[in-house]
Amino acid sequence: MITKFPIDFYFDGKHYRGEIKPLATEKKLSRFPTIFQIYLNHTYRGEIKRRGFNWETNSPACAMMMDVLGNCINDWYV
């Protein structure tokens, strides 16, 4: 089941709260979604995609926080 989940973290001295919404796709890595929409502080920030063990995005807002966001996703599914 694909369901959005909450996130809450500090990055570069600023508090971020929001949610990550997995997108239904044909490809899944180990039964988990590979594409996620990121919403932080009531604003849509873009998508991040899992490519093997790496993450990629075309969103400058997500690119700065790629490791933190990836860790939040990994923690949710572990």
Protein backbone atom coordinates (compact mmCIF):
# COMPACT_ATOMS: atom_id res chain seq x y z
CA MET A 1 0.00 0.00 0.00
CA ILE A 2 1.34 3.39 -0.96
CA THR A 3 0.63 6.00 1.67
CA LYS A 4 2.10 9.41 2.44
CA PHE A 5 4.03 9.77 5.67
CA PRO A 6 5.15 12.68 7.89
CA ILE A 7 8.67 14.04 8.19
CA ASP A 8 10.17 16.46 10.67
CA PHE A 9 13.82 17.56 10.69
CA TYR A 10 16.27 20.44 10.96
CA PHE A 11 18.51 21.39 8.06
CA ASP A 12 20.98 24.25 7.96
CA GLY A 13 19.49 25.77 11.13
CA LYS A 14 15.88 25.70 9.87
CA HIS A 15 13.05 23.46 11.02
CA TYR A 16 11.18 21.56 8.29
CA ARG A 17 7.92 19.71 8.74
CA GLY A 18 5.93 18.08 6.00
CA GLU A 19 5.19 14.86 4.25
CA ILE A 20 6.54 12.52 1.65
CA LYS A 21 4.12 11.01 -0.83
CA PRO A 22 5.25 7.87 -2.66
CA LEU A 23 4.05 7.68 -6.25
CA ALA A 24 2.72 4.47 -7.76
CA THR A 25 5.07 3.35 -10.50
CA GLU A 26 5.73 0.14 -12.35
CA LYS A 27 9.29 -0.03 -11.04
CA LYS A 28 9.90 -0.70 -7.39
CA LEU A 29 13.15 -1.35 -5.57
CA SER A 30 12.76 -4.24 -3.13
CA ARG A 31 8.94 -3.83 -3.12
CA PHE A 32 9.22 -0.12 -2.21
CA PRO A 33 8.31 2.89 -4.37
CA THR A 34 11.13 4.64 -6.22
CA ILE A 35 9.59 8.10 -6.83
CA PHE A 36 8.44 10.44 -4.07
CA GLN A 37 6.83 13.89 -3.95
CA ILE A 38 8.20 16.16 -1.22
CA TYR A 39 6.06 18.69 0.67
CA LEU A 40 7.82 20.84 3.26
CA ASN A 41 6.31 23.61 5.39
CA HIS A 42 3.06 23.52 3.37
CA THR A 43 4.87 23.87 0.02
CA TYR A 44 5.44 21.36 -2.74
CA ARG A 45 9.24 21.12 -3.23
CA GLY A 46 9.52 18.58 -6.05
CA GLU A 47 10.23 14.91 -6.58
CA ILE A 48 13.16 12.72 -5.69
CA LYS A 49 13.87 9.35 -7.29
CA ARG A 50 15.77 6.35 -6.04
CA ARG A 51 18.24 4.99 -8.58
CA GLY A 52 19.82 1.90 -7.08
CA PHE A 53 21.47 3.13 -3.88
CA ASN A 54 21.53 6.77 -5.04
CA TRP A 55 18.97 9.56 -5.15
CA GLU A 56 18.38 12.13 -7.88
CA THR A 57 16.12 15.11 -8.38
CA ASN A 58 15.54 17.99 -10.76
CA SER A 59 14.45 20.24 -7.90
CA PRO A 60 17.03 22.69 -6.49
CA ALA A 61 15.10 22.79 -3.18
CA CYS A 62 15.33 19.01 -2.81
CA ALA A 63 18.91 18.78 -4.11
CA MET A 64 20.27 20.66 -1.10
CA MET A 65 18.57 18.22 1.30
CA MET A 66 18.94 15.03 -0.73
CA ASP A 67 20.75 13.04 1.98
CA VAL A 68 18.31 14.07 4.72
CA LEU A 69 15.26 13.31 2.57
CA GLY A 70 16.71 9.98 1.45
CA ASN A 71 17.39 9.04 5.07
CA CYS A 72 13.81 9.94 6.05
CA ILE A 73 12.49 7.68 3.29
CA ASN A 74 14.85 4.84 4.15
CA ASP A 75 13.97 5.09 7.85
CA TRP A 76 10.25 4.90 7.06
CA TYR A 77 10.62 1.66 5.10
CA VAL A 78 13.05 -0.10 7.41
